[in-house]
Protein backbone atom coordinates (compact mmCIF):
# COMPACT_ATOMS: atom_id res chain seq x y z
CA MET A 1 36.60 -69.76 19.56
CA SER A 2 33.07 -68.39 19.20
CA ILE A 3 31.24 -67.93 15.89
CA LEU A 4 31.56 -64.16 16.35
CA ASP A 5 35.35 -64.41 16.75
CA LEU A 6 35.56 -66.65 13.69
CA GLY A 7 33.53 -64.16 11.64
CA ARG A 8 35.77 -61.30 12.68
CA GLY A 9 38.83 -63.36 11.77
CA LEU A 10 37.49 -64.04 8.29
CA LEU A 11 36.67 -60.35 7.84
CA LEU A 12 40.20 -59.48 8.96
CA VAL A 13 41.73 -61.78 6.35
CA ALA A 14 39.52 -60.30 3.62
CA MET A 15 40.48 -56.74 4.54
CA CYS A 16 44.18 -57.55 4.49
CA LEU A 17 43.90 -58.97 0.97
CA LEU A 18 42.03 -56.02 -0.52
CA PRO A 19 44.26 -53.82 -2.74
CA ALA A 20 44.01 -50.07 -2.33
CA ASP A 21 45.91 -46.92 -3.12
CA ASP A 22 48.24 -45.61 -0.49
CA PRO A 23 46.54 -42.88 1.56
CA ALA A 24 47.64 -39.29 1.48
CA GLN A 25 49.98 -37.96 4.14
CA PRO A 26 48.31 -37.51 7.54
CA ASP A 27 46.21 -34.36 7.58
CA VAL A 28 43.34 -35.04 9.96
CA ALA A 29 43.74 -31.53 11.29
CA ASP A 30 46.00 -30.64 8.35
CA GLN A 31 48.55 -28.56 10.30
CA GLN A 32 48.95 -27.83 13.96
CA GLY A 33 46.74 -24.90 14.90
CA ALA A 34 44.78 -25.10 11.63
CA ALA A 35 41.30 -23.61 11.72
CA ILE A 36 38.49 -25.81 10.43
CA ASN A 37 35.25 -24.10 9.46
CA ARG A 38 32.17 -26.03 10.51
CA GLN A 39 28.91 -25.36 8.73
CA ASP A 40 25.72 -25.66 10.77
CA VAL A 41 22.84 -26.05 8.34
CA ASP A 42 19.23 -25.64 9.39
CA GLN A 43 16.13 -27.02 7.69
CA ARG A 44 15.73 -23.88 5.57
CA GLY A 45 19.11 -24.44 3.99
CA GLU A 46 20.69 -21.31 5.49
CA THR A 47 24.19 -21.69 6.88
CA ALA A 48 25.74 -20.23 10.01
CA ARG A 49 29.54 -20.39 10.28
CA LYS A 50 31.64 -20.80 13.37
CA THR A 51 35.34 -21.49 13.50
CA ILE A 52 36.68 -24.24 15.74
CA HIS A 53 40.43 -24.67 16.15
CA TYR A 54 41.95 -28.15 16.39
CA ARG A 55 45.60 -28.89 17.13
CA ASN A 56 47.20 -32.26 16.49
CA LEU A 57 48.90 -33.73 19.55
CA ASP A 58 49.73 -37.00 17.82
CA PHE A 59 48.57 -38.88 14.72
CA VAL A 60 48.99 -42.11 12.81
CA SER A 61 48.26 -42.95 9.16
CA PHE A 62 47.40 -46.51 8.17
CA GLY A 63 48.76 -47.99 4.95
CA SER A 64 46.84 -49.72 2.21
CA ARG A 65 47.64 -53.12 3.72
CA ARG A 66 47.36 -53.62 7.46
CA SER A 67 48.42 -56.64 9.51
CA SER A 68 47.72 -57.28 13.17
CA LYS A 69 50.44 -56.96 15.81
CA HIS A 70 48.35 -58.01 18.81
CA TRP A 71 44.81 -58.22 20.13
CA VAL A 72 42.78 -55.99 22.42
CA GLN A 73 39.38 -56.49 23.97
CA THR A 74 36.37 -54.29 23.21
CA GLY A 75 33.92 -53.18 25.86
CA GLN A 76 31.73 -56.12 24.83
CA GLY A 77 34.50 -58.61 25.57
CA VAL A 78 35.34 -59.37 21.92
CA LEU A 79 38.98 -59.66 20.88
CA VAL A 80 39.89 -57.50 17.86
CA ALA A 81 43.16 -57.28 15.92
CA VAL A 82 45.10 -54.00 16.04
CA ASP A 83 48.37 -52.65 14.69
CA ASP A 84 49.76 -49.17 15.39
CA GLY A 85 48.01 -46.99 17.91
CA LEU A 86 48.41 -43.71 19.79
CA GLN A 87 49.32 -43.00 23.40
CA TYR A 88 48.07 -40.07 25.45
CA ASP A 89 47.56 -39.39 29.16
CA GLY A 90 47.90 -43.02 30.24
CA THR A 91 45.69 -44.39 27.47
CA ASN A 92 46.47 -46.46 24.38
CA LEU A 93 44.13 -45.80 21.47
CA TYR A 94 43.65 -48.27 18.65
CA LEU A 95 41.61 -48.40 15.46
CA SER A 96 41.18 -52.12 14.91
CA LEU A 97 41.38 -53.82 11.54
CA THR A 98 37.65 -54.45 11.84
CA GLY A 99 36.74 -50.82 12.51
CA ASP A 100 36.57 -50.63 16.31
CA LEU A 101 37.97 -47.62 18.17
CA VAL A 102 39.31 -48.93 21.48
CA ALA A 103 40.80 -47.07 24.45
CA VAL A 104 42.97 -49.21 26.77
CA ASP A 105 44.47 -48.21 30.13
CA GLN A 106 48.29 -48.39 29.81
CA LYS A 107 48.88 -49.68 33.35
CA THR A 108 46.04 -52.13 33.92
CA ARG A 109 45.58 -53.16 30.24
CA THR A 110 41.83 -52.95 30.76
CA THR A 111 39.49 -51.44 28.22
CA LYS A 112 38.17 -48.00 29.15
CA TRP A 113 35.70 -47.76 26.27
CA SER A 114 35.17 -48.89 22.70
CA THR A 115 32.88 -48.04 19.82
CA GLY A 116 32.30 -49.33 16.30
CA THR A 117 33.27 -46.90 13.55
CA GLY A 118 33.17 -48.93 10.35
CA GLY A 119 36.18 -49.93 8.25
CA HIS A 120 36.64 -46.90 6.03
CA TRP A 121 39.01 -44.71 8.10
CA ASN A 122 42.74 -44.59 7.41
CA GLN A 123 43.94 -41.75 9.63
CA MET A 124 43.65 -41.25 13.40
CA ALA A 125 44.73 -38.30 15.53
CA ILE A 126 44.53 -37.05 19.09
CA GLN A 127 43.53 -33.40 18.97
CA SER A 128 43.15 -30.51 21.37
CA VAL A 129 40.11 -28.29 20.87
CA GLU A 130 40.73 -24.70 21.84
CA PRO A 131 38.54 -23.40 24.68
CA THR A 132 35.32 -21.61 23.79
CA ASP A 133 33.05 -19.42 25.88
CA ASP A 134 31.39 -22.42 27.50
CA GLN A 135 34.53 -24.34 28.54
CA SER A 136 37.48 -23.32 30.67
CA LYS A 137 40.16 -25.66 29.33
CA PRO A 138 40.99 -27.43 26.06
CA ARG A 139 38.99 -30.54 25.25
CA ILE A 140 40.78 -33.65 24.00
CA VAL A 141 39.19 -35.60 21.14
CA VAL A 142 40.05 -38.55 18.92
CA ALA A 143 39.65 -37.74 15.22
CA LEU A 144 39.23 -40.21 12.35
CA LYS A 145 39.47 -39.33 8.69
CA SER A 146 39.13 -41.13 5.40
CA ALA A 147 41.79 -39.62 3.13
CA GLY A 148 40.91 -39.40 -0.53
CA GLY A 149 44.01 -37.90 -2.14
CA ASP A 150 45.59 -34.47 -2.28
CA ASP A 151 42.65 -32.69 -3.93
CA ALA A 152 39.82 -34.53 -2.22
CA VAL A 153 37.73 -33.15 0.64
CA ALA A 154 36.76 -35.73 3.26
CA SER A 155 34.57 -35.76 6.31
CA VAL A 156 36.11 -36.01 9.77
CA VAL A 157 34.42 -37.70 12.71
CA ARG A 158 35.47 -37.07 16.31
CA TYR A 159 35.01 -38.88 19.63
CA ASP A 160 35.40 -37.63 23.17
CA PHE A 161 38.74 -38.87 24.54
CA LYS A 162 37.37 -39.71 28.00
CA THR A 163 34.03 -41.32 27.15
CA GLY A 164 34.23 -42.39 23.51
CA SER A 165 30.96 -40.62 22.72
CA ARG A 166 30.71 -39.44 19.15
CA LEU A 167 30.74 -35.70 18.61
CA GLU A 168 29.04 -33.70 15.91
CA GLU A 169 30.48 -34.70 12.55
CA ASP A 170 32.45 -32.06 10.67
CA VAL A 171 31.45 -31.95 7.03
CA ALA A 172 33.55 -29.82 4.71
CA LEU A 173 31.16 -27.44 2.97
CA PRO A 174 31.83 -24.47 0.73
CA GLU A 175 30.30 -21.18 1.75
CA GLY A 176 26.70 -20.67 0.65
CA LYS A 177 23.29 -22.25 1.09
CA PHE A 178 21.72 -25.48 -0.07
CA ILE A 179 19.37 -25.27 -3.01
CA GLU A 180 17.32 -27.80 -4.96
CA PRO A 181 17.67 -28.36 -8.70
CA ILE A 182 14.82 -27.20 -10.90
CA ALA A 183 14.74 -30.74 -12.27
CA GLN A 184 17.08 -33.67 -12.72
CA PHE A 185 16.98 -36.80 -14.82
CA MET A 186 19.16 -39.90 -14.90
CA GLY A 187 19.35 -43.21 -16.69
CA ASP A 188 21.74 -45.79 -18.15
CA ASP A 189 20.95 -45.79 -21.87
CA CYS A 190 22.20 -42.58 -23.49
CA GLY A 191 24.08 -42.51 -26.78
CA CYS A 192 27.47 -41.52 -25.31
CA ASP A 193 30.24 -44.06 -25.73
CA GLU A 194 32.78 -41.68 -24.21
CA PRO A 195 32.40 -39.59 -21.04
CA ILE A 196 30.99 -36.10 -21.52
CA ALA A 197 30.51 -33.11 -19.22
CA GLN A 198 28.85 -29.97 -20.58
CA LEU A 199 27.16 -26.92 -19.11
CA ILE A 200 24.48 -25.74 -21.55
CA THR A 201 23.42 -22.09 -21.37
CA ASP A 202 21.02 -21.63 -24.28
CA ARG A 203 17.99 -23.39 -25.75
CA GLN A 204 19.46 -24.21 -29.16
CA ALA A 205 22.57 -25.88 -27.75
CA TRP A 206 20.38 -27.96 -25.45
CA LEU A 207 18.13 -29.13 -28.30
CA GLU A 208 21.14 -30.15 -30.42
CA LEU A 209 22.78 -32.11 -27.60
CA ARG A 210 19.45 -33.69 -26.64
CA LYS A 211 18.97 -34.96 -30.19
CA LYS A 212 22.58 -36.16 -30.59
CA TYR A 213 22.95 -38.18 -27.39
CA PHE A 214 19.48 -38.80 -26.00
CA GLY A 215 17.28 -39.68 -28.96
CA SER A 216 16.15 -42.98 -27.42
CA VAL A 217 14.94 -41.29 -24.22
CA ALA A 218 14.14 -37.83 -25.60
CA ASN A 219 10.50 -37.99 -24.51
CA GLU A 220 11.58 -38.36 -20.89
CA LEU A 221 13.86 -35.31 -20.90
CA PRO A 222 13.10 -31.59 -20.57
CA ARG A 223 12.06 -29.84 -23.75
CA ASP A 224 12.83 -26.29 -24.79
CA ASP A 225 9.81 -24.96 -22.88
CA LEU A 226 11.60 -25.86 -19.63
CA PHE A 227 14.71 -24.01 -20.68
CA ASP A 228 14.49 -20.26 -20.07
CA ASP A 229 17.52 -18.55 -21.62
CA GLY A 230 19.38 -16.36 -19.17
CA LYS A 231 17.70 -17.84 -16.09
CA GLN A 232 18.66 -21.51 -16.22
CA VAL A 233 21.56 -23.75 -17.20
CA VAL A 234 21.60 -27.49 -17.87
CA LEU A 235 24.43 -29.67 -16.62
CA VAL A 236 24.84 -32.79 -18.77
CA LEU A 237 27.12 -35.63 -17.68
CA SER A 238 27.71 -39.15 -18.89
CA GLU A 239 30.07 -41.89 -17.79
CA GLY A 240 30.29 -43.29 -21.31
CA SER A 241 30.34 -47.07 -21.69
CA THR A 242 30.69 -48.76 -18.32
CA THR A 243 28.96 -51.28 -16.04
CA ASN A 244 27.00 -51.39 -12.79
CA CYS A 245 25.72 -47.81 -12.76
CA ARG A 246 22.12 -46.61 -13.06
CA GLY A 247 22.99 -42.96 -13.57
CA VAL A 248 24.43 -39.84 -11.99
CA LYS A 249 22.52 -37.71 -9.50
CA ALA A 250 23.12 -34.42 -7.70
CA GLN A 251 23.46 -35.16 -3.99
CA GLU A 252 24.19 -31.61 -2.80
CA ILE A 253 24.02 -28.21 -4.46
CA LEU A 254 25.41 -25.14 -2.73
CA GLN A 255 25.04 -21.64 -4.11
CA GLY A 256 27.36 -18.84 -3.00
CA GLU A 257 28.57 -15.47 -4.17
CA ALA A 258 31.18 -16.88 -6.57
CA GLY A 259 28.85 -19.41 -8.14
CA MET A 260 27.65 -22.92 -7.46
CA VAL A 261 29.08 -26.23 -6.23
CA VAL A 262 27.29 -29.33 -7.52
CA ARG A 263 28.18 -32.57 -5.74
CA LEU A 264 27.43 -35.74 -7.66
CA GLN A 265 26.85 -39.32 -6.59
CA LYS A 266 27.04 -42.20 -9.06
CA GLN A 267 24.17 -44.63 -8.57
CA THR A 268 26.23 -47.81 -8.62
CA TYR A 269 25.23 -51.35 -7.73
CA GLN A 270 26.69 -54.83 -7.47
CA SER A 271 25.88 -57.77 -9.74
CA LEU A 272 26.70 -61.44 -10.24
CA GLY A 273 27.53 -63.14 -13.49
CA ASP A 274 27.50 -61.26 -16.77
CA THR A 275 27.36 -57.48 -16.42
CA PRO A 276 25.84 -55.73 -19.45
CA THR A 277 27.39 -52.54 -20.75
CA VAL A 278 25.46 -49.39 -19.82
CA ARG A 279 25.88 -45.68 -20.60
CA PRO A 280 24.78 -43.87 -17.45
CA TYR A 281 23.99 -40.17 -17.52
CA GLY A 282 22.73 -37.32 -15.39
CA ILE A 283 20.94 -34.16 -16.55
CA ILE A 284 20.50 -31.45 -13.94
CA VAL A 285 18.56 -28.24 -14.59
CA LEU A 286 19.91 -25.46 -12.37
CA PRO A 287 19.05 -21.83 -11.75
CA ARG A 288 21.56 -19.33 -13.07
CA ALA A 289 24.13 -18.82 -10.30
CA ASP A 290 24.76 -15.43 -8.72
CA GLY A 291 28.37 -15.76 -9.82
CA ASN A 292 29.74 -17.25 -13.03
CA GLN A 293 31.48 -20.37 -11.70
CA TYR A 294 30.11 -23.91 -11.54
CA VAL A 295 32.34 -26.41 -9.73
CA ILE A 296 31.46 -30.09 -10.12
CA GLU A 297 32.57 -32.52 -7.41
CA GLU A 298 32.21 -36.29 -7.28
CA ASN A 299 32.18 -38.59 -4.26
CA GLN A 300 35.36 -40.68 -4.34
CA GLN A 301 34.48 -42.81 -1.30
CA SER A 302 34.96 -46.48 -2.23
CA PHE A 303 33.60 -48.01 1.00
CA LYS A 304 29.87 -48.54 1.26
CA GLY A 305 28.50 -46.48 4.14
CA GLY A 306 31.70 -44.44 4.42
CA PRO A 307 31.70 -40.64 4.69
CA PRO A 308 31.76 -38.73 1.41
CA VAL A 309 35.16 -37.86 -0.04
CA TRP A 310 34.56 -34.99 -2.47
CA LYS A 311 36.92 -34.21 -5.33
CA ALA A 312 36.51 -31.49 -7.95
CA THR A 313 36.29 -32.98 -11.46
CA HIS A 314 35.11 -30.02 -13.58
CA ASP A 315 35.15 -26.24 -13.31
CA PHE A 316 32.91 -24.32 -15.68
CA GLN A 317 33.30 -20.55 -16.10
CA LEU A 318 30.53 -18.62 -17.79
CA ASP A 319 31.38 -15.51 -19.80
CA GLY A 320 29.12 -12.72 -18.60
CA ARG A 321 25.45 -13.04 -17.86
């Protein structure tokens, strides 16, 4: 056995021992014939929508604990452990326990193609893409998804069934355009022992909250001269007492007719030994939305390097302008 095979075996054992929640029911394409809106975003932040229809031909959902049933060989000649797979048009498709997508010829048992995908996917489907103006017949793709629960929105990645080449990634985006915050601040030493989430709409409320929770770092935060009543709002969030987090930061902000979607990413890290208690926070100064709704979403993805899994955590409704 080579060192590479030994390393993969150790990784396999570690993955099988990791506890995790059971994934949601298979919904890579949600329902047969479901329409998935893809957002194409240019450098100016404008969005152009086009609707692409995917239809599930077959799918499999992997449980929280996976165990190998046999081995298949990647295109590089490395044996990888697999469990349940899919069959279509003379090809067996597997997502290995070490994150390899492998297509094997059913008759010859030889590998047609393989590609590394990472270990964060727990659903796989074979899908038919409806013909568009530039193709005469449906295209077959292999779709992978990382399920994050009933209310979470996850990214889907697709590969060409014949070649294994990765296609453009579908990222679930609300309607609207990307915008930048007016300012944002984060840290790990606020005065909040319990989690808080507030949307501040006037100068006086901001000054009171700033004094109550952020006295130790007040000089680093926006003062009342940055807050223009009626034109700006301030989103204040804190995790309360926790560990291994430097703060909370807005990763994406989309503004549409109904309001704004603010997607947050916790700035977490790993540590060894004693982990001191911190109180991470994020303060995001935003323009007043065209609508009166502010939806806050957090990335629920637990695997490092995995696609974002967005889940709404707060919904603020402003009364009037």
